[in-house]
Structure formats: structure tokens, C-alpha cells
C-alpha atoms as a PDB file:
ATOM      1  CA  UNK A   1     -14.037  -3.466 -21.756  1.00  0.00           C
ATOM      2  CA  UNK A   2     -13.652  -4.272 -17.605  1.00  0.00           C
ATOM      3  CA  UNK A   3     -16.237  -3.469 -15.777  1.00  0.00           C
ATOM      4  CA  UNK A   4     -16.982  -2.635 -12.215  1.00  0.00           C
ATOM      5  CA  UNK A   5     -20.044  -2.601 -10.634  1.00  0.00           C
ATOM      6  CA  UNK A   6     -20.749  -0.284  -7.106  1.00  0.00           C
ATOM      7  CA  UNK A   7     -23.453  -1.741  -4.776  1.00  0.00           C
ATOM      8  CA  UNK A   8     -24.684   0.625  -2.232  1.00  0.00           C
ATOM      9  CA  UNK A   9     -25.563  -0.951   0.645  1.00  0.00           C
ATOM     10  CA  UNK A  10     -27.700   0.777   3.601  1.00  0.00           C
ATOM     11  CA  UNK A  11     -27.655  -0.989   6.857  1.00  0.00           C
ATOM     12  CA  UNK A  12     -30.777  -0.591   9.015  1.00  0.00           C
ATOM     13  CA  UNK A  13     -30.453   1.009  12.001  1.00  0.00           C
ATOM     14  CA  UNK A  14     -27.894  -0.546  15.103  1.00  0.00           C
ATOM     15  CA  UNK A  15     -26.748  -3.324  12.396  1.00  0.00           C
ATOM     16  CA  UNK A  16     -24.120  -1.581  10.604  1.00  0.00           C
ATOM     17  CA  UNK A  17     -21.075  -3.004  12.957  1.00  0.00           C
ATOM     18  CA  UNK A  18     -23.241  -6.907  12.358  1.00  0.00           C
ATOM     19  CA  UNK A  19     -23.629  -5.624   8.462  1.00  0.00           C
ATOM     20  CA  UNK A  20     -19.991  -4.886   7.768  1.00  0.00           C
ATOM     21  CA  UNK A  21     -18.791  -8.458   9.482  1.00  0.00           C
ATOM     22  CA  UNK A  22     -21.834 -10.601   7.119  1.00  0.00           C
ATOM     23  CA  UNK A  23     -21.505  -9.353   3.963  1.00  0.00           C
ATOM     24  CA  UNK A  24     -16.913 -10.028   3.829  1.00  0.00           C
ATOM     25  CA  UNK A  25     -17.681 -13.950   3.141  1.00  0.00           C
ATOM     26  CA  UNK A  26     -20.539 -12.993   0.120  1.00  0.00           C
ATOM     27  CA  UNK A  27     -18.193 -10.308  -0.858  1.00  0.00           C
ATOM     28  CA  UNK A  28     -14.860 -12.496  -0.984  1.00  0.00           C
ATOM     29  CA  UNK A  29     -16.674 -15.232  -2.806  1.00  0.00           C
ATOM     30  CA  UNK A  30     -17.173 -12.833  -6.161  1.00  0.00           C
ATOM     31  CA  UNK A  31     -13.368 -13.866  -6.725  1.00  0.00           C
ATOM     32  CA  UNK A  32     -14.966 -17.205  -7.274  1.00  0.00           C
ATOM     33  CA  UNK A  33     -17.022 -15.677 -10.210  1.00  0.00           C
ATOM     34  CA  UNK A  34     -13.769 -14.398 -11.978  1.00  0.00           C
ATOM     35  CA  UNK A  35     -14.147 -10.925 -10.386  1.00  0.00           C
ATOM     36  CA  UNK A  36     -10.614  -9.808 -10.716  1.00  0.00           C
ATOM     37  CA  UNK A  37     -10.912  -7.327  -7.190  1.00  0.00           C
ATOM     38  CA  UNK A  38     -13.407  -6.293  -4.825  1.00  0.00           C
ATOM     39  CA  UNK A  39     -13.950  -4.264  -1.830  1.00  0.00           C
ATOM     40  CA  UNK A  40     -16.513  -2.612   0.722  1.00  0.00           C
ATOM     41  CA  UNK A  41     -16.159   0.562   1.422  1.00  0.00           C
ATOM     42  CA  UNK A  42     -17.667   1.710   5.205  1.00  0.00           C
ATOM     43  CA  UNK A  43     -18.376   5.359   5.374  1.00  0.00           C
ATOM     44  CA  UNK A  44     -17.240   7.777   8.025  1.00  0.00           C
ATOM     45  CA  UNK A  45     -19.637  10.310   7.250  1.00  0.00           C
ATOM     46  CA  UNK A  46     -22.827   7.923   7.557  1.00  0.00           C
ATOM     47  CA  UNK A  47     -21.896   4.777   9.641  1.00  0.00           C
ATOM     48  CA  UNK A  48     -24.577   2.464   7.933  1.00  0.00           C
ATOM     49  CA  UNK A  49     -23.842   3.446   4.107  1.00  0.00           C
ATOM     50  CA  UNK A  50     -21.508   0.881   2.515  1.00  0.00           C
ATOM     51  CA  UNK A  51     -19.936   1.147  -0.527  1.00  0.00           C
ATOM     52  CA  UNK A  52     -19.890  -2.291  -2.677  1.00  0.00           C
ATOM     53  CA  UNK A  53     -17.789  -2.343  -5.891  1.00  0.00           C
ATOM     54  CA  UNK A  54     -16.201  -5.487  -7.330  1.00  0.00           C
ATOM     55  CA  UNK A  55     -14.437  -5.770 -10.929  1.00  0.00           C
ATOM     56  CA  UNK A  56     -15.238  -7.670 -14.112  1.00  0.00           C
ATOM     57  CA  UNK A  57     -14.153  -8.678 -17.234  1.00  0.00           C
ATOM     58  CA  UNK A  58     -17.568 -10.125 -18.363  1.00  0.00           C
ATOM     59  CA  UNK A  59     -20.735  -9.383 -17.407  1.00  0.00           C
ATOM     60  CA  UNK A  60     -21.667 -12.151 -17.364  1.00  0.00           C
ATOM     61  CA  UNK A  61     -19.662 -13.265 -15.042  1.00  0.00           C
ATOM     62  CA  UNK A  62     -21.532 -10.437 -12.447  1.00  0.00           C
ATOM     63  CA  UNK A  63     -24.975 -12.144 -12.919  1.00  0.00           C
ATOM     64  CA  UNK A  64     -23.899 -15.171 -12.223  1.00  0.00           C
ATOM     65  CA  UNK A  65     -22.480 -14.093  -8.865  1.00  0.00           C
ATOM     66  CA  UNK A  66     -25.408 -11.626  -8.201  1.00  0.00           C
ATOM     67  CA  UNK A  67     -27.598 -14.626  -8.687  1.00  0.00           C
ATOM     68  CA  UNK A  68     -25.478 -17.395  -6.613  1.00  0.00           C
ATOM     69  CA  UNK A  69     -25.857 -19.567  -3.865  1.00  0.00           C
ATOM     70  CA  UNK A  70     -23.559 -16.865  -1.317  1.00  0.00           C
ATOM     71  CA  UNK A  71     -25.100 -13.080  -3.087  1.00  0.00           C
ATOM     72  CA  UNK A  72     -28.314 -14.996  -2.551  1.00  0.00           C
ATOM     73  CA  UNK A  73     -28.194 -16.888   0.096  1.00  0.00           C
ATOM     74  CA  UNK A  74     -26.604 -13.261   2.399  1.00  0.00           C
ATOM     75  CA  UNK A  75     -30.144 -10.962   0.017  1.00  0.00           C
ATOM     76  CA  UNK A  76     -32.320 -13.854   2.159  1.00  0.00           C
ATOM     77  CA  UNK A  77     -30.213 -14.175   5.331  1.00  0.00           C
ATOM     78  CA  UNK A  78     -30.317 -10.848   5.776  1.00  0.00           C
ATOM     79  CA  UNK A  79     -32.728  -8.702   4.307  1.00  0.00           C
ATOM     80  CA  UNK A  80     -33.836  -6.861   7.584  1.00  0.00           C
ATOM     81  CA  UNK A  81     -30.014  -5.812   8.215  1.00  0.00           C
ATOM     82  CA  UNK A  82     -30.101  -3.682   4.909  1.00  0.00           C
ATOM     83  CA  UNK A  83     -32.705  -1.066   2.955  1.00  0.00           C
ATOM     84  CA  UNK A  84     -34.714  -2.537   0.080  1.00  0.00           C
ATOM     85  CA  UNK A  85     -34.532  -1.837  -2.865  1.00  0.00           C
ATOM     86  CA  UNK A  86     -30.523  -2.446  -4.050  1.00  0.00           C
ATOM     87  CA  UNK A  87     -30.124  -1.146  -6.907  1.00  0.00           C
ATOM     88  CA  UNK A  88     -26.408  -1.294  -8.759  1.00  0.00           C
ATOM     89  CA  UNK A  89     -25.129  -0.569 -10.841  1.00  0.00           C
ATOM     90  CA  UNK A  90     -22.279  -1.708 -13.851  1.00  0.00           C
ATOM     91  CA  UNK A  91     -19.857   0.871 -14.738  1.00  0.00           C
ATOM     92  CA  UNK A  92     -16.654   0.862 -17.370  1.00  0.00           C
ATOM     93  CA  UNK A  93     -13.342   1.563 -16.004  1.00  0.00           C
ATOM     94  CA  UNK A  94     -12.018   4.647 -17.939  1.00  0.00           C
ATOM     95  CA  UNK A  95      -8.940   4.777 -16.258  1.00  0.00           C
ATOM     96  CA  UNK A  96      -6.919   3.542 -13.508  1.00  0.00           C
ATOM     97  CA  UNK A  97      -4.088   3.938 -11.693  1.00  0.00           C
ATOM     98  CA  UNK A  98      -2.601   3.579  -8.408  1.00  0.00           C
ATOM     99  CA  UNK A  99       0.956   3.708  -6.505  1.00  0.00           C
ATOM    100  CA  UNK A 100       2.111   0.425  -5.492  1.00  0.00           C
ATOM    101  CA  UNK A 101       3.157  -0.285  -1.397  1.00  0.00           C
ATOM    102  CA  UNK A 102       6.619  -0.907  -1.087  1.00  0.00           C
ATOM    103  CA  UNK A 103       6.113  -3.704   2.029  1.00  0.00           C
ATOM    104  CA  UNK A 104       8.153  -1.780   4.046  1.00  0.00           C
ATOM    105  CA  UNK A 105       7.586  -0.585   7.673  1.00  0.00           C
ATOM    106  CA  UNK A 106       8.225   2.782   8.045  1.00  0.00           C
ATOM    107  CA  UNK A 107       8.017   2.779  12.246  1.00  0.00           C
ATOM    108  CA  UNK A 108      10.222  -0.690  11.939  1.00  0.00           C
ATOM    109  CA  UNK A 109      12.723   0.807   9.759  1.00  0.00           C
ATOM    110  CA  UNK A 110      16.019   2.341  11.952  1.00  0.00           C
ATOM    111  CA  UNK A 111      17.029   5.828  11.781  1.00  0.00           C
ATOM    112  CA  UNK A 112      19.996   6.564  10.634  1.00  0.00           C
ATOM    113  CA  UNK A 113      23.468   7.271  11.892  1.00  0.00           C
ATOM    114  CA  UNK A 114      23.996  10.900  12.931  1.00  0.00           C
ATOM    115  CA  UNK A 115      26.606  11.676  10.984  1.00  0.00           C
ATOM    116  CA  UNK A 116      29.637  13.225  12.909  1.00  0.00           C
END
């Protein structure tokens, strides 16, 4: 069963913007460890709160990613930029659905001609 790992990051004071930029590279590295998807969300109510989610088919792939060079380097290099401990958790995905984006820019679509 597919799983998703939730990592709640909390940036330290005045480092929210820099943390947002810094987490982008190691987040993307998850795809090299067989992740099927990743997201990082920043709270609009609390600019220091980040929710990092990564989908894996196999928990071992998650562990390889978390202990791999990209995340180890990130945690060591930016350890003063977020609060510790970082308590991630693995969750089983029970149900999922989505509406696919059509790829059509509504602003670029011409208005229909008025009927006479």
C-alpha cells in the first residue's frame, strides 16, 4: 500500500523565507529515491510552519531518502533554521482523488462572439 510521509518543519524566527528556498532542493531529491510525488506547503496563518509530504510505495525507499546525502546535508547545514526535534510520520494513503487541470489558460481563451 502506498504511503505518505509527513514532515512538519517549523522555521526559526526571521528564517521563513530563506527556509522555503532552502528546502526546495532536498525535497526534489526524493524523486531519485523512488518517491512518486512530493509537496512542501507553507502555512498562510503561520509563515514559519511548513508541511513537507512525500509519497513512497516502499518505506525502505523513504528511509534511504531521509538518511541519504541530500537530507543529511540539509539537516546538518540548516540545523539552526528549524526547530528540533523533527518528528516525521508515515501514513497509509486510504483514498485519493483529484481533478486534472485542463492546461487551458482561461484568460487567454477568447470570449465568444455575441449572438445577433
